[in-house]
């Protein structure tokens, strides 16, 4: 039976949260400034940045999901042991799982917002290019 003391669970939670960074907002990212590039080059560079941000965000989500998988396994082991100390440790582990779920919701919300912003930005650029 593997156990974590509550201080190590809290530390691991803090370590995880300090490693997680919010992805840069596509609309506030200075990398979208073309810097003298042609429209086609700007679109290509902008697309690369957007996909890079999406990829980074999905990797971050996967990292948090992987951490939760480990925590859930630990909670199950502690529960099966029926040892009082392990049950007490589970409280901290379950709190960390809950916090991680909140992080995942936030990351997906940011992804949705960024995707919507890019979509609307590209749509308005396309509409502006159409002859009247």
N, C-alpha and C. Protein backbone atom coordinates (compact mmCIF):
# COMPACT_ATOMS: atom_id res chain seq x y z
N UNK A 1 0.84 -1.19 0.00
CA UNK A 1 0.00 0.00 0.00
C UNK A 1 0.87 1.24 0.00
N UNK A 2 0.60 2.10 -0.91
CA UNK A 2 1.35 3.33 -1.01
C UNK A 2 0.52 4.44 -0.40
N UNK A 3 1.18 5.27 0.39
CA UNK A 3 0.45 6.38 0.98
C UNK A 3 1.25 7.65 0.81
N UNK A 4 0.54 8.75 0.83
CA UNK A 4 1.15 10.06 0.82
C UNK A 4 0.73 10.75 2.09
N UNK A 5 1.68 11.44 2.76
CA UNK A 5 1.19 12.21 3.89
C UNK A 5 0.55 13.48 3.37
N UNK A 6 -0.26 14.10 4.19
CA UNK A 6 -1.05 15.24 3.71
C UNK A 6 -0.16 16.39 3.29
N UNK A 7 1.01 16.55 3.91
CA UNK A 7 1.88 17.65 3.51
C UNK A 7 2.45 17.40 2.13
N UNK A 8 2.78 16.14 1.80
CA UNK A 8 3.30 15.88 0.46
C UNK A 8 2.21 16.04 -0.57
N UNK A 9 0.97 15.71 -0.22
CA UNK A 9 -0.14 15.90 -1.15
C UNK A 9 -0.34 17.39 -1.41
N UNK A 10 -0.26 18.20 -0.36
CA UNK A 10 -0.42 19.63 -0.53
C UNK A 10 0.72 20.21 -1.35
N UNK A 11 1.95 19.73 -1.09
CA UNK A 11 3.10 20.20 -1.86
C UNK A 11 2.97 19.83 -3.32
N UNK A 12 2.52 18.59 -3.57
CA UNK A 12 2.39 18.18 -4.97
C UNK A 12 1.32 19.01 -5.66
N UNK A 13 0.28 19.37 -4.93
CA UNK A 13 -0.75 20.22 -5.49
C UNK A 13 -0.19 21.58 -5.85
N UNK A 14 0.65 22.12 -4.94
CA UNK A 14 1.24 23.42 -5.20
C UNK A 14 2.22 23.33 -6.36
N UNK A 15 2.99 22.24 -6.42
CA UNK A 15 3.93 22.07 -7.51
C UNK A 15 3.19 22.03 -8.84
N UNK A 16 2.10 21.27 -8.89
CA UNK A 16 1.33 21.16 -10.12
C UNK A 16 0.78 22.51 -10.55
N UNK A 17 0.24 23.26 -9.58
CA UNK A 17 -0.37 24.53 -9.95
C UNK A 17 0.67 25.55 -10.36
N UNK A 18 1.88 25.48 -9.79
CA UNK A 18 2.90 26.43 -10.19
C UNK A 18 3.44 26.10 -11.57
N UNK A 19 3.37 24.82 -11.98
CA UNK A 19 3.84 24.43 -13.30
C UNK A 19 2.84 24.74 -14.38
N UNK A 20 1.59 24.91 -14.02
CA UNK A 20 0.55 25.18 -15.01
C UNK A 20 0.49 26.67 -15.26
N UNK A 21 0.60 27.04 -16.50
CA UNK A 21 0.53 28.44 -16.87
C UNK A 21 -0.63 28.63 -17.82
N UNK A 22 -1.25 29.78 -17.72
CA UNK A 22 -2.34 30.07 -18.63
C UNK A 22 -1.75 30.25 -20.02
N UNK A 23 -2.38 29.67 -21.03
CA UNK A 23 -1.89 29.88 -22.39
C UNK A 23 -2.10 31.33 -22.78
N UNK A 24 -1.17 31.88 -23.58
CA UNK A 24 -1.34 33.27 -23.97
C UNK A 24 -2.60 33.44 -24.81
N UNK A 25 -3.28 34.53 -24.59
CA UNK A 25 -4.49 34.80 -25.35
C UNK A 25 -4.11 35.14 -26.78
N UNK A 26 -4.80 34.51 -27.72
CA UNK A 26 -4.50 34.73 -29.13
C UNK A 26 -4.70 36.18 -29.52
N UNK A 27 -5.65 36.85 -28.90
CA UNK A 27 -5.93 38.23 -29.28
C UNK A 27 -4.93 39.19 -28.66
N UNK A 28 -4.27 38.80 -27.56
CA UNK A 28 -3.31 39.68 -26.91
C UNK A 28 -1.87 39.30 -27.22
N UNK A 29 -1.65 38.31 -28.00
CA UNK A 29 -0.31 37.81 -28.28
C UNK A 29 0.36 38.70 -29.31
N UNK A 30 1.52 39.26 -28.94
CA UNK A 30 2.22 40.15 -29.85
C UNK A 30 2.74 39.42 -31.08
N UNK A 31 2.80 38.09 -31.01
CA UNK A 31 3.29 37.33 -32.16
C UNK A 31 2.34 37.43 -33.34
N UNK A 32 1.13 37.94 -33.15
CA UNK A 32 0.19 38.11 -34.24
C UNK A 32 0.53 39.34 -35.08
N UNK A 33 1.41 40.20 -34.58
CA UNK A 33 1.84 41.36 -35.35
C UNK A 33 2.70 40.86 -36.49
N UNK A 34 2.31 41.18 -37.70
CA UNK A 34 2.99 40.65 -38.89
C UNK A 34 4.40 41.16 -39.06
N UNK A 35 4.73 42.34 -38.57
CA UNK A 35 6.07 42.85 -38.67
C UNK A 35 6.56 43.00 -40.11
N UNK A 36 5.72 43.52 -41.03
CA UNK A 36 6.14 43.75 -42.39
C UNK A 36 5.98 42.56 -43.32
N UNK A 37 5.35 41.49 -42.87
CA UNK A 37 5.14 40.32 -43.71
C UNK A 37 3.93 40.53 -44.61
N UNK A 38 3.90 39.81 -45.72
CA UNK A 38 2.74 39.88 -46.60
C UNK A 38 1.53 39.28 -45.88
N UNK A 39 0.34 39.55 -46.42
CA UNK A 39 -0.88 39.02 -45.80
C UNK A 39 -0.84 37.50 -45.70
N UNK A 40 -0.36 36.86 -46.78
CA UNK A 40 -0.30 35.39 -46.78
C UNK A 40 0.68 34.89 -45.73
N UNK A 41 1.84 35.56 -45.60
CA UNK A 41 2.83 35.16 -44.60
C UNK A 41 2.30 35.41 -43.19
N UNK A 42 1.58 36.53 -43.01
CA UNK A 42 1.00 36.84 -41.71
C UNK A 42 -0.03 35.78 -41.33
N UNK A 43 -0.90 35.40 -42.29
CA UNK A 43 -1.91 34.38 -42.02
C UNK A 43 -1.27 33.05 -41.66
N UNK A 44 -0.22 32.68 -42.39
CA UNK A 44 0.47 31.42 -42.13
C UNK A 44 1.12 31.45 -40.75
N UNK A 45 1.81 32.54 -40.45
CA UNK A 45 2.47 32.67 -39.14
C UNK A 45 1.43 32.71 -38.02
N UNK A 46 0.34 33.44 -38.26
CA UNK A 46 -0.73 33.51 -37.26
C UNK A 46 -1.35 32.14 -37.01
N UNK A 47 -1.54 31.38 -38.09
CA UNK A 47 -2.11 30.03 -37.95
C UNK A 47 -1.19 29.14 -37.14
N UNK A 48 0.11 29.25 -37.39
CA UNK A 48 1.07 28.44 -36.64
C UNK A 48 1.02 28.77 -35.16
N UNK A 49 0.93 30.05 -34.85
CA UNK A 49 0.88 30.48 -33.45
C UNK A 49 -0.41 29.98 -32.79
N UNK A 50 -1.53 30.11 -33.50
CA UNK A 50 -2.81 29.67 -32.96
C UNK A 50 -2.78 28.17 -32.67
N UNK A 51 -2.32 27.38 -33.65
CA UNK A 51 -2.26 25.93 -33.44
C UNK A 51 -1.27 25.56 -32.36
N UNK A 52 -0.18 26.30 -32.27
CA UNK A 52 0.79 26.05 -31.21
C UNK A 52 0.16 26.30 -29.84
N UNK A 53 -0.60 27.39 -29.73
CA UNK A 53 -1.29 27.69 -28.46
C UNK A 53 -2.31 26.61 -28.12
N UNK A 54 -3.07 26.15 -29.12
CA UNK A 54 -4.04 25.09 -28.88
C UNK A 54 -3.33 23.81 -28.44
N UNK A 55 -2.27 23.47 -29.12
CA UNK A 55 -1.52 22.25 -28.78
C UNK A 55 -0.97 22.33 -27.36
N UNK A 56 -0.40 23.48 -27.02
CA UNK A 56 0.13 23.66 -25.66
C UNK A 56 -0.97 23.52 -24.61
N UNK A 57 -2.13 24.09 -24.91
CA UNK A 57 -3.25 24.01 -23.96
C UNK A 57 -3.73 22.57 -23.80
N UNK A 58 -3.83 21.84 -24.91
CA UNK A 58 -4.26 20.44 -24.82
C UNK A 58 -3.23 19.60 -24.07
N UNK A 59 -1.96 19.89 -24.25
CA UNK A 59 -0.92 19.17 -23.49
C UNK A 59 -1.05 19.45 -22.00
N UNK A 60 -1.34 20.70 -21.69
CA UNK A 60 -1.51 21.08 -20.29
C UNK A 60 -2.71 20.35 -19.68
N UNK A 61 -3.81 20.30 -20.41
CA UNK A 61 -4.99 19.57 -19.95
C UNK A 61 -4.64 18.11 -19.73
N UNK A 62 -3.93 17.50 -20.68
CA UNK A 62 -3.57 16.09 -20.56
C UNK A 62 -2.68 15.86 -19.34
N UNK A 63 -1.79 16.78 -19.07
CA UNK A 63 -0.92 16.67 -17.90
C UNK A 63 -1.74 16.65 -16.61
N UNK A 64 -2.73 17.52 -16.52
CA UNK A 64 -3.59 17.57 -15.32
C UNK A 64 -4.43 16.29 -15.23
N UNK A 65 -4.94 15.81 -16.36
CA UNK A 65 -5.71 14.56 -16.36
C UNK A 65 -4.84 13.38 -15.92
N UNK A 66 -3.59 13.35 -16.39
CA UNK A 66 -2.67 12.28 -15.98
C UNK A 66 -2.41 12.34 -14.48
N UNK A 67 -2.24 13.55 -13.95
CA UNK A 67 -2.03 13.71 -12.51
C UNK A 67 -3.26 13.21 -11.75
N UNK A 68 -4.45 13.52 -12.23
CA UNK A 68 -5.67 13.05 -11.57
C UNK A 68 -5.76 11.53 -11.60
N UNK A 69 -5.34 10.92 -12.68
CA UNK A 69 -5.36 9.45 -12.76
C UNK A 69 -4.51 8.85 -11.64
N UNK A 70 -3.33 9.43 -11.43
CA UNK A 70 -2.45 8.96 -10.36
C UNK A 70 -3.10 9.18 -8.99
N UNK A 71 -3.67 10.35 -8.80
CA UNK A 71 -4.32 10.66 -7.52
C UNK A 71 -5.50 9.73 -7.24
N UNK A 72 -6.30 9.46 -8.26
CA UNK A 72 -7.46 8.57 -8.08
C UNK A 72 -7.00 7.16 -7.73
N UNK A 73 -5.95 6.72 -8.37
CA UNK A 73 -5.39 5.40 -8.04
C UNK A 73 -4.95 5.36 -6.58
N UNK A 74 -4.28 6.44 -6.14
CA UNK A 74 -3.82 6.53 -4.75
C UNK A 74 -5.01 6.53 -3.79
N UNK A 75 -6.04 7.29 -4.11
CA UNK A 75 -7.24 7.33 -3.26
C UNK A 75 -7.85 5.94 -3.14
N UNK A 76 -7.93 5.23 -4.25
CA UNK A 76 -8.49 3.87 -4.22
C UNK A 76 -7.66 2.93 -3.36
N UNK A 77 -6.33 3.01 -3.49
CA UNK A 77 -5.47 2.17 -2.66
C UNK A 77 -5.65 2.49 -1.18
N UNK A 78 -5.68 3.78 -0.87
CA UNK A 78 -5.85 4.19 0.52
C UNK A 78 -7.20 3.72 1.06
N UNK A 79 -8.23 3.81 0.24
CA UNK A 79 -9.56 3.39 0.67
C UNK A 79 -9.61 1.89 0.94
N UNK A 80 -8.98 1.11 0.05
CA UNK A 80 -8.96 -0.34 0.23
C UNK A 80 -8.21 -0.75 1.49
N UNK A 81 -7.22 0.05 1.88
CA UNK A 81 -6.42 -0.31 3.06
C UNK A 81 -7.22 -0.21 4.36
N UNK A 82 -8.23 0.64 4.37
CA UNK A 82 -9.08 0.87 5.54
C UNK A 82 -8.29 1.33 6.77
N UNK A 83 -7.12 1.87 6.54
CA UNK A 83 -6.31 2.43 7.62
C UNK A 83 -6.73 3.89 7.81
N UNK A 84 -6.96 4.24 9.06
CA UNK A 84 -7.48 5.58 9.38
C UNK A 84 -6.60 6.69 8.79
N UNK A 85 -5.29 6.60 8.94
CA UNK A 85 -4.40 7.64 8.44
C UNK A 85 -4.53 7.81 6.92
N UNK A 86 -4.69 6.68 6.23
CA UNK A 86 -4.85 6.74 4.77
C UNK A 86 -6.16 7.40 4.37
N UNK A 87 -7.19 7.16 5.17
CA UNK A 87 -8.48 7.80 4.89
C UNK A 87 -8.38 9.31 5.08
N UNK A 88 -7.62 9.73 6.09
CA UNK A 88 -7.42 11.16 6.34
C UNK A 88 -6.64 11.77 5.18
N UNK A 89 -5.65 11.07 4.69
CA UNK A 89 -4.86 11.54 3.54
C UNK A 89 -5.74 11.70 2.31
N UNK A 90 -6.73 10.82 2.17
CA UNK A 90 -7.62 10.89 1.02
C UNK A 90 -8.35 12.23 0.92
N UNK A 91 -8.61 12.85 2.05
CA UNK A 91 -9.29 14.14 2.03
C UNK A 91 -8.47 15.14 1.22
N UNK A 92 -7.17 15.22 1.51
CA UNK A 92 -6.29 16.14 0.78
C UNK A 92 -6.17 15.74 -0.69
N UNK A 93 -6.09 14.44 -0.95
CA UNK A 93 -5.97 13.97 -2.33
C UNK A 93 -7.23 14.31 -3.14
N UNK A 94 -8.38 14.11 -2.53
CA UNK A 94 -9.64 14.41 -3.21
C UNK A 94 -9.77 15.91 -3.44
N UNK A 95 -9.30 16.72 -2.50
CA UNK A 95 -9.31 18.17 -2.70
C UNK A 95 -8.43 18.56 -3.88
N UNK A 96 -7.27 17.90 -4.00
CA UNK A 96 -6.39 18.18 -5.13
C UNK A 96 -7.05 17.77 -6.45
N UNK A 97 -7.71 16.63 -6.45
CA UNK A 97 -8.43 16.19 -7.66
C UNK A 97 -9.48 17.22 -8.04
N UNK A 98 -10.22 17.69 -7.05
CA UNK A 98 -11.25 18.70 -7.30
C UNK A 98 -10.64 19.98 -7.87
N UNK A 99 -9.53 20.42 -7.30
CA UNK A 99 -8.86 21.63 -7.82
C UNK A 99 -8.38 21.41 -9.25
N UNK A 100 -7.89 20.21 -9.52
CA UNK A 100 -7.44 19.91 -10.88
C UNK A 100 -8.59 19.93 -11.88
N UNK A 101 -9.75 19.44 -11.47
CA UNK A 101 -10.92 19.48 -12.35
C UNK A 101 -11.28 20.94 -12.65
N UNK A 102 -11.18 21.79 -11.66
CA UNK A 102 -11.44 23.22 -11.87
C UNK A 102 -10.44 23.82 -12.86
N UNK A 103 -9.17 23.40 -12.76
CA UNK A 103 -8.15 23.87 -13.71
C UNK A 103 -8.50 23.42 -15.12
N UNK A 104 -8.95 22.20 -15.26
CA UNK A 104 -9.30 21.67 -16.58
C UNK A 104 -10.47 22.46 -17.17
N UNK A 105 -11.47 22.74 -16.36
CA UNK A 105 -12.61 23.53 -16.82
C UNK A 105 -12.12 24.91 -17.28
N UNK A 106 -11.24 25.52 -16.53
CA UNK A 106 -10.71 26.83 -16.89
C UNK A 106 -9.91 26.77 -18.19
N UNK A 107 -9.08 25.74 -18.33
CA UNK A 107 -8.29 25.59 -19.55
C UNK A 107 -9.19 25.41 -20.78
N UNK A 108 -10.22 24.57 -20.64
CA UNK A 108 -11.15 24.39 -21.76
C UNK A 108 -11.93 25.66 -22.06
N UNK A 109 -12.26 26.42 -21.04
CA UNK A 109 -12.95 27.69 -21.24
C UNK A 109 -12.05 28.66 -22.02
N UNK A 110 -10.77 28.72 -21.63
CA UNK A 110 -9.82 29.57 -22.34
C UNK A 110 -9.67 29.12 -23.79
N UNK A 111 -9.60 27.80 -23.99
CA UNK A 111 -9.49 27.27 -25.35
C UNK A 111 -10.68 27.68 -26.19
N UNK A 112 -11.86 27.56 -25.61
CA UNK A 112 -13.08 27.92 -26.33
C UNK A 112 -13.09 29.40 -26.69
N UNK A 113 -12.71 30.23 -25.74
CA UNK A 113 -12.66 31.68 -25.97
C UNK A 113 -11.65 32.01 -27.06
N UNK A 114 -10.47 31.41 -26.97
CA UNK A 114 -9.44 31.68 -27.97
C UNK A 114 -9.87 31.21 -29.35
N UNK A 115 -10.46 30.03 -29.41
CA UNK A 115 -10.91 29.51 -30.70
C UNK A 115 -11.97 30.41 -31.29
N UNK A 116 -12.91 30.82 -30.47
CA UNK A 116 -13.98 31.71 -30.94
C UNK A 116 -13.40 33.03 -31.43
N UNK A 117 -12.46 33.59 -30.70
CA UNK A 117 -11.84 34.86 -31.09
C UNK A 117 -11.13 34.73 -32.43
N UNK A 118 -10.37 33.67 -32.58
CA UNK A 118 -9.65 33.46 -33.84
C UNK A 118 -10.63 33.25 -34.98
N UNK A 119 -11.66 32.46 -34.74
CA UNK A 119 -12.66 32.21 -35.77
C UNK A 119 -13.33 33.51 -36.22
N UNK A 120 -13.75 34.33 -35.25
CA UNK A 120 -14.42 35.59 -35.59
C UNK A 120 -13.45 36.56 -36.25
N UNK A 121 -12.20 36.55 -35.81
CA UNK A 121 -11.19 37.42 -36.42
C UNK A 121 -10.98 37.02 -37.88
N UNK A 122 -10.83 35.73 -38.12
CA UNK A 122 -10.63 35.25 -39.49
C UNK A 122 -11.87 35.51 -40.35
N UNK A 123 -13.05 35.33 -39.77
CA UNK A 123 -14.30 35.59 -40.48
C UNK A 123 -14.40 37.06 -40.88
N UNK A 124 -14.06 37.98 -39.97
CA UNK A 124 -14.15 39.39 -40.29
C UNK A 124 -13.09 39.79 -41.31
N UNK A 125 -11.91 39.16 -41.29
CA UNK A 125 -10.90 39.43 -42.30
C UNK A 125 -11.37 38.96 -43.67
N UNK A 126 -12.02 37.79 -43.71
CA UNK A 126 -12.54 37.24 -44.96
C UNK A 126 -13.63 38.15 -45.51
N UNK A 127 -14.52 38.61 -44.62
CA UNK A 127 -15.62 39.50 -45.05
C UNK A 127 -15.06 40.82 -45.56
N UNK A 128 -13.99 41.32 -44.96
CA UNK A 128 -13.40 42.59 -45.39
C UNK A 128 -12.74 42.46 -46.75
N UNK A 129 -12.27 41.26 -47.09
CA UNK A 129 -11.60 41.04 -48.37
C UNK A 129 -12.57 40.86 -49.52
N UNK A 130 -13.84 40.59 -49.22
CA UNK A 130 -14.84 40.36 -50.28
C UNK A 130 -15.18 41.69 -50.95
N UNK A 131 -15.27 41.67 -52.30
CA UNK A 131 -15.68 42.91 -52.99
C UNK A 131 -17.16 43.18 -52.74
N UNK A 132 -17.50 44.45 -52.71
CA UNK A 132 -18.89 44.80 -52.42
C UNK A 132 -19.73 44.87 -53.65
